[in-house]
Amino acid sequence: MHISPATASDLPAIAALVNSAYRGDSSRQGWTTEADYLGGQRTDAQALGHDLATKPESVLLTLRDEAGGPLLACAWLEPATDGAWYLGMLTVRPDLQDRKLGRTILETAEAHARALGARRIIMTVVQIRDTLIAWYERRGYASTGETRPFPYDDQRFGEPMRDDLAFIVLAKTI
């Protein structure tokens, strides 16, 4: 496996990967689809570039079978507060979600954050994602009891098809 921080030239492929894993019919090949309750795109290369430029301590990790090979997975990390780092956009190509690549990129992201001084990882997950929440719980994450409202007025998060969406916050000491 080859894992490295994303470069500007990776951003279009990362956006395509994220959108294919979470939105539309292509996402139904895997188990991470949000297509039944969120439409539209999840991200684009410009938004990723903007986020990396405005959050210079953040990193977008990429996973490939070999350097220069096709993108298989990615994960976003950014410093949060009090020794915690936020993990988001953990994505695996839908047709490869049986290769344990999610576990690999998650463990790598945790190790990367720990090397930068993180003591804890936090993340937000849409509260109706029971299967995904259970997957994270099996990897040591637990609900903090905190919920955050879904940003219905922000198209960067997609086009909601339900009016009962919210995020729960999960955390893990690393």
C-alpha atoms as a PDB file:
ATOM      1  CA  MET A   1       0.000   0.000   0.000  1.00  0.00           C
ATOM      2  CA  HIS A   2       1.133   3.532  -0.742  1.00  0.00           C
ATOM      3  CA  ILE A   3      -0.297   6.284   1.478  1.00  0.00           C
ATOM      4  CA  SER A   4       0.652   9.917   1.001  1.00  0.00           C
ATOM      5  CA  PRO A   5      -0.737  13.437   1.430  1.00  0.00           C
ATOM      6  CA  ALA A   6      -2.786  14.658  -1.519  1.00  0.00           C
ATOM      7  CA  THR A   7      -1.303  17.073  -4.014  1.00  0.00           C
ATOM      8  CA  ALA A   8      -3.222  19.638  -6.048  1.00  0.00           C
ATOM      9  CA  SER A   9      -3.206  17.259  -9.004  1.00  0.00           C
ATOM     10  CA  ASP A  10      -4.980  14.602  -6.862  1.00  0.00           C
ATOM     11  CA  LEU A  11      -7.983  16.794  -6.040  1.00  0.00           C
ATOM     12  CA  PRO A  12     -10.155  16.017  -9.108  1.00  0.00           C
ATOM     13  CA  ALA A  13      -9.693  12.261  -8.537  1.00  0.00           C
ATOM     14  CA  ILE A  14     -10.429  12.642  -4.814  1.00  0.00           C
ATOM     15  CA  ALA A  15     -13.627  14.581  -5.531  1.00  0.00           C
ATOM     16  CA  ALA A  16     -14.711  11.922  -8.038  1.00  0.00           C
ATOM     17  CA  LEU A  17     -13.945   9.148  -5.530  1.00  0.00           C
ATOM     18  CA  VAL A  18     -15.870  10.827  -2.704  1.00  0.00           C
ATOM     19  CA  ASN A  19     -18.885  11.562  -4.885  1.00  0.00           C
ATOM     20  CA  SER A  20     -18.922   8.024  -6.299  1.00  0.00           C
ATOM     21  CA  ALA A  21     -18.816   6.490  -2.812  1.00  0.00           C
ATOM     22  CA  TYR A  22     -21.570   8.574  -1.252  1.00  0.00           C
ATOM     23  CA  ARG A  23     -23.921   9.852  -3.962  1.00  0.00           C
ATOM     24  CA  GLY A  24     -25.807   8.496  -6.931  1.00  0.00           C
ATOM     25  CA  ASP A  25     -26.149   4.995  -8.282  1.00  0.00           C
ATOM     26  CA  SER A  26     -22.399   4.282  -8.253  1.00  0.00           C
ATOM     27  CA  SER A  27     -22.453   4.565  -4.454  1.00  0.00           C
ATOM     28  CA  ARG A  28     -24.881   1.650  -4.231  1.00  0.00           C
ATOM     29  CA  GLN A  29     -22.023  -0.731  -5.152  1.00  0.00           C
ATOM     30  CA  GLY A  30     -20.710  -0.248  -1.617  1.00  0.00           C
ATOM     31  CA  TRP A  31     -22.299   0.087   1.807  1.00  0.00           C
ATOM     32  CA  THR A  32     -21.438   3.753   2.453  1.00  0.00           C
ATOM     33  CA  THR A  33     -24.079   5.280   0.196  1.00  0.00           C
ATOM     34  CA  GLU A  34     -26.013   8.348   1.275  1.00  0.00           C
ATOM     35  CA  ALA A  35     -28.032   8.340  -1.957  1.00  0.00           C
ATOM     36  CA  ASP A  36     -31.348   7.584  -0.229  1.00  0.00           C
ATOM     37  CA  TYR A  37     -31.324  10.767   1.832  1.00  0.00           C
ATOM     38  CA  LEU A  38     -28.790  13.147   0.234  1.00  0.00           C
ATOM     39  CA  GLY A  39     -28.576  14.160  -3.419  1.00  0.00           C
ATOM     40  CA  GLY A  40     -26.154  16.359  -5.303  1.00  0.00           C
ATOM     41  CA  GLN A  41     -22.421  16.178  -5.011  1.00  0.00           C
ATOM     42  CA  ARG A  42     -20.553  15.756  -1.761  1.00  0.00           C
ATOM     43  CA  THR A  43     -17.526  17.813  -2.799  1.00  0.00           C
ATOM     44  CA  ASP A  44     -15.538  19.128  -5.745  1.00  0.00           C
ATOM     45  CA  ALA A  45     -11.876  19.793  -6.473  1.00  0.00           C
ATOM     46  CA  GLN A  46     -12.256  23.540  -5.920  1.00  0.00           C
ATOM     47  CA  ALA A  47     -13.768  23.080  -2.456  1.00  0.00           C
ATOM     48  CA  LEU A  48     -11.031  20.622  -1.493  1.00  0.00           C
ATOM     49  CA  GLY A  49      -8.353  23.027  -2.707  1.00  0.00           C
ATOM     50  CA  HIS A  50      -9.965  25.881  -0.793  1.00  0.00           C
ATOM     51  CA  ASP A  51     -10.153  23.818   2.400  1.00  0.00           C
ATOM     52  CA  LEU A  52      -6.503  22.793   2.139  1.00  0.00           C
ATOM     53  CA  ALA A  53      -5.422  26.387   1.438  1.00  0.00           C
ATOM     54  CA  THR A  54      -7.399  27.894   4.320  1.00  0.00           C
ATOM     55  CA  LYS A  55      -6.523  25.125   6.782  1.00  0.00           C
ATOM     56  CA  PRO A  56      -2.780  24.681   6.202  1.00  0.00           C
ATOM     57  CA  GLU A  57      -2.312  22.243   9.105  1.00  0.00           C
ATOM     58  CA  SER A  58      -4.876  19.892   7.576  1.00  0.00           C
ATOM     59  CA  VAL A  59      -3.970  16.913   5.455  1.00  0.00           C
ATOM     60  CA  LEU A  60      -5.888  14.858   2.939  1.00  0.00           C
ATOM     61  CA  LEU A  61      -4.382  11.367   2.884  1.00  0.00           C
ATOM     62  CA  THR A  62      -4.587   9.203  -0.224  1.00  0.00           C
ATOM     63  CA  LEU A  63      -4.249   5.422  -0.498  1.00  0.00           C
ATOM     64  CA  ARG A  64      -3.154   3.565  -3.602  1.00  0.00           C
ATOM     65  CA  ASP A  65      -1.863   0.052  -4.227  1.00  0.00           C
ATOM     66  CA  GLU A  66       1.368   1.646  -5.480  1.00  0.00           C
ATOM     67  CA  ALA A  67       2.768   5.137  -6.018  1.00  0.00           C
ATOM     68  CA  GLY A  68       1.155   6.677  -9.072  1.00  0.00           C
ATOM     69  CA  GLY A  69      -1.556   4.005  -9.151  1.00  0.00           C
ATOM     70  CA  PRO A  70      -5.297   4.604  -9.151  1.00  0.00           C
ATOM     71  CA  LEU A  71      -6.768   6.259  -6.068  1.00  0.00           C
ATOM     72  CA  LEU A  72      -8.458   3.694  -3.808  1.00  0.00           C
ATOM     73  CA  ALA A  73      -9.246   5.616  -0.609  1.00  0.00           C
ATOM     74  CA  CYS A  74      -8.761   8.923   1.190  1.00  0.00           C
ATOM     75  CA  ALA A  75      -9.270  10.582   4.568  1.00  0.00           C
ATOM     76  CA  TRP A  76      -9.267  14.205   5.773  1.00  0.00           C
ATOM     77  CA  LEU A  77      -7.555  15.253   9.018  1.00  0.00           C
ATOM     78  CA  GLU A  78      -7.491  18.664  10.656  1.00  0.00           C
ATOM     79  CA  PRO A  79      -6.564  19.924  14.110  1.00  0.00           C
ATOM     80  CA  ALA A  80      -9.594  20.646  16.281  1.00  0.00           C
ATOM     81  CA  THR A  81      -9.216  21.610  19.952  1.00  0.00           C
ATOM     82  CA  ASP A  82      -7.440  20.420  23.091  1.00  0.00           C
ATOM     83  CA  GLY A  83      -5.290  17.752  21.461  1.00  0.00           C
ATOM     84  CA  ALA A  84      -8.117  16.456  19.277  1.00  0.00           C
ATOM     85  CA  TRP A  85      -8.022  16.132  15.510  1.00  0.00           C
ATOM     86  CA  TYR A  86     -11.100  15.954  13.291  1.00  0.00           C
ATOM     87  CA  LEU A  87     -11.312  13.029  10.869  1.00  0.00           C
ATOM     88  CA  GLY A  88     -13.670  13.333   7.948  1.00  0.00           C
ATOM     89  CA  MET A  89     -14.337  12.223   4.403  1.00  0.00           C
ATOM     90  CA  LEU A  90     -12.986   8.721   4.988  1.00  0.00           C
ATOM     91  CA  THR A  91     -13.765   7.206   1.612  1.00  0.00           C
ATOM     92  CA  VAL A  92     -13.104   3.888  -0.128  1.00  0.00           C
ATOM     93  CA  ARG A  93     -13.922   3.114  -3.733  1.00  0.00           C
ATOM     94  CA  PRO A  94     -17.360   1.434  -3.605  1.00  0.00           C
ATOM     95  CA  ASP A  95     -16.338  -1.623  -5.627  1.00  0.00           C
ATOM     96  CA  LEU A  96     -13.369  -2.264  -3.311  1.00  0.00           C
ATOM     97  CA  GLN A  97     -15.034  -1.922   0.071  1.00  0.00           C
ATOM     98  CA  ASP A  98     -14.406  -5.588   0.815  1.00  0.00           C
ATOM     99  CA  ARG A  99     -10.584  -5.212   0.844  1.00  0.00           C
ATOM    100  CA  LYS A 100     -10.325  -3.676   4.348  1.00  0.00           C
ATOM    101  CA  LEU A 101      -9.034  -0.452   2.816  1.00  0.00           C
ATOM    102  CA  GLY A 102     -11.235   1.601   5.141  1.00  0.00           C
ATOM    103  CA  ARG A 103      -9.562   0.045   8.142  1.00  0.00           C
ATOM    104  CA  THR A 104      -6.137   0.687   6.604  1.00  0.00           C
ATOM    105  CA  ILE A 105      -6.738   4.374   5.848  1.00  0.00           C
ATOM    106  CA  LEU A 106      -8.398   4.877   9.259  1.00  0.00           C
ATOM    107  CA  GLU A 107      -5.452   3.353  11.147  1.00  0.00           C
ATOM    108  CA  THR A 108      -3.015   5.396   9.061  1.00  0.00           C
ATOM    109  CA  ALA A 109      -4.952   8.609   9.703  1.00  0.00           C
ATOM    110  CA  GLU A 110      -4.973   7.904  13.444  1.00  0.00           C
ATOM    111  CA  ALA A 111      -1.217   7.252  13.429  1.00  0.00           C
ATOM    112  CA  HIS A 112      -0.599  10.403  11.401  1.00  0.00           C
ATOM    113  CA  ALA A 113      -2.617  12.525  13.834  1.00  0.00           C
ATOM    114  CA  ARG A 114      -0.909  10.888  16.826  1.00  0.00           C
ATOM    115  CA  ALA A 115       2.519  11.714  15.324  1.00  0.00           C
ATOM    116  CA  LEU A 116       1.392  15.343  15.138  1.00  0.00           C
ATOM    117  CA  GLY A 117       0.462  15.359  18.835  1.00  0.00           C
ATOM    118  CA  ALA A 118      -3.182  14.303  18.723  1.00  0.00           C
ATOM    119  CA  ARG A 119      -4.509  12.490  21.763  1.00  0.00           C
ATOM    120  CA  ARG A 120      -8.010  12.065  20.415  1.00  0.00           C
ATOM    121  CA  ILE A 121      -9.842  11.787  17.095  1.00  0.00           C
ATOM    122  CA  ILE A 122     -13.329  13.228  16.692  1.00  0.00           C
ATOM    123  CA  MET A 123     -15.720  12.889  13.781  1.00  0.00           C
ATOM    124  CA  THR A 124     -19.301  13.583  12.832  1.00  0.00           C
ATOM    125  CA  VAL A 125     -21.613  11.016  11.250  1.00  0.00           C
ATOM    126  CA  VAL A 126     -25.174  11.473  10.047  1.00  0.00           C
ATOM    127  CA  GLN A 127     -27.243   9.970  12.861  1.00  0.00           C
ATOM    128  CA  ILE A 128     -29.228   7.581  10.641  1.00  0.00           C
ATOM    129  CA  ARG A 129     -26.029   5.816   9.451  1.00  0.00           C
ATOM    130  CA  ASP A 130     -26.390   2.910  11.906  1.00  0.00           C
ATOM    131  CA  THR A 131     -24.157   0.512   9.952  1.00  0.00           C
ATOM    132  CA  LEU A 132     -21.391   3.097   9.597  1.00  0.00           C
ATOM    133  CA  ILE A 133     -21.632   4.127  13.251  1.00  0.00           C
ATOM    134  CA  ALA A 134     -21.366   0.450  14.255  1.00  0.00           C
ATOM    135  CA  TRP A 135     -18.276   0.078  12.013  1.00  0.00           C
ATOM    136  CA  TYR A 136     -16.573   2.981  13.813  1.00  0.00           C
ATOM    137  CA  GLU A 137     -17.629   1.633  17.216  1.00  0.00           C
ATOM    138  CA  ARG A 138     -15.914  -1.679  16.398  1.00  0.00           C
ATOM    139  CA  ARG A 139     -12.758   0.376  15.858  1.00  0.00           C
ATOM    140  CA  GLY A 140     -12.931   2.040  19.259  1.00  0.00           C
ATOM    141  CA  TYR A 141     -15.036   5.132  18.569  1.00  0.00           C
ATOM    142  CA  ALA A 142     -17.880   6.045  20.903  1.00  0.00           C
ATOM    143  CA  SER A 143     -20.631   8.608  20.889  1.00  0.00           C
ATOM    144  CA  THR A 144     -19.815  11.693  22.919  1.00  0.00           C
ATOM    145  CA  GLY A 145     -23.526  12.389  23.391  1.00  0.00           C
ATOM    146  CA  GLU A 146     -23.132  15.577  21.363  1.00  0.00           C
ATOM    147  CA  THR A 147     -25.262  16.200  18.297  1.00  0.00           C
ATOM    148  CA  ARG A 148     -24.881  18.934  15.705  1.00  0.00           C
ATOM    149  CA  PRO A 149     -27.528  20.211  13.350  1.00  0.00           C
ATOM    150  CA  PHE A 150     -27.374  19.237   9.704  1.00  0.00           C
ATOM    151  CA  PRO A 151     -26.502  22.320   7.603  1.00  0.00           C
ATOM    152  CA  TYR A 152     -29.606  22.323   5.425  1.00  0.00           C
ATOM    153  CA  ASP A 153     -28.738  25.721   3.965  1.00  0.00           C
ATOM    154  CA  ASP A 154     -25.216  24.717   2.870  1.00  0.00           C
ATOM    155  CA  GLN A 155     -25.168  22.938  -0.501  1.00  0.00           C
ATOM    156  CA  ARG A 156     -21.606  21.741   0.175  1.00  0.00           C
ATOM    157  CA  PHE A 157     -23.169  18.942   2.218  1.00  0.00           C
ATOM    158  CA  GLY A 158     -25.575  17.922  -0.525  1.00  0.00           C
ATOM    159  CA  GLU A 159     -29.273  18.221  -1.149  1.00  0.00           C
ATOM    160  CA  PRO A 160     -31.191  16.689   1.769  1.00  0.00           C
ATOM    161  CA  MET A 161     -34.200  14.523   0.928  1.00  0.00           C
ATOM    162  CA  ARG A 162     -35.297  14.329   4.574  1.00  0.00           C
ATOM    163  CA  ASP A 163     -35.909  16.943   7.232  1.00  0.00           C
ATOM    164  CA  ASP A 164     -34.707  14.888  10.215  1.00  0.00           C
ATOM    165  CA  LEU A 165     -30.941  14.758   9.575  1.00  0.00           C
ATOM    166  CA  ALA A 166     -28.362  15.631  12.234  1.00  0.00           C
ATOM    167  CA  PHE A 167     -24.787  14.693  13.045  1.00  0.00           C
ATOM    168  CA  ILE A 168     -23.646  12.756  16.053  1.00  0.00           C
ATOM    169  CA  VAL A 169     -20.105  13.221  17.318  1.00  0.00           C
ATOM    170  CA  LEU A 170     -17.920  10.152  17.787  1.00  0.00           C
ATOM    171  CA  ALA A 171     -14.535  10.199  19.509  1.00  0.00           C
ATOM    172  CA  LYS A 172     -11.635   7.894  20.228  1.00  0.00           C
ATOM    173  CA  THR A 173      -8.575   8.314  22.416  1.00  0.00           C
ATOM    174  CA  ILE A 174      -5.471   7.425  20.407  1.00  0.00           C
END
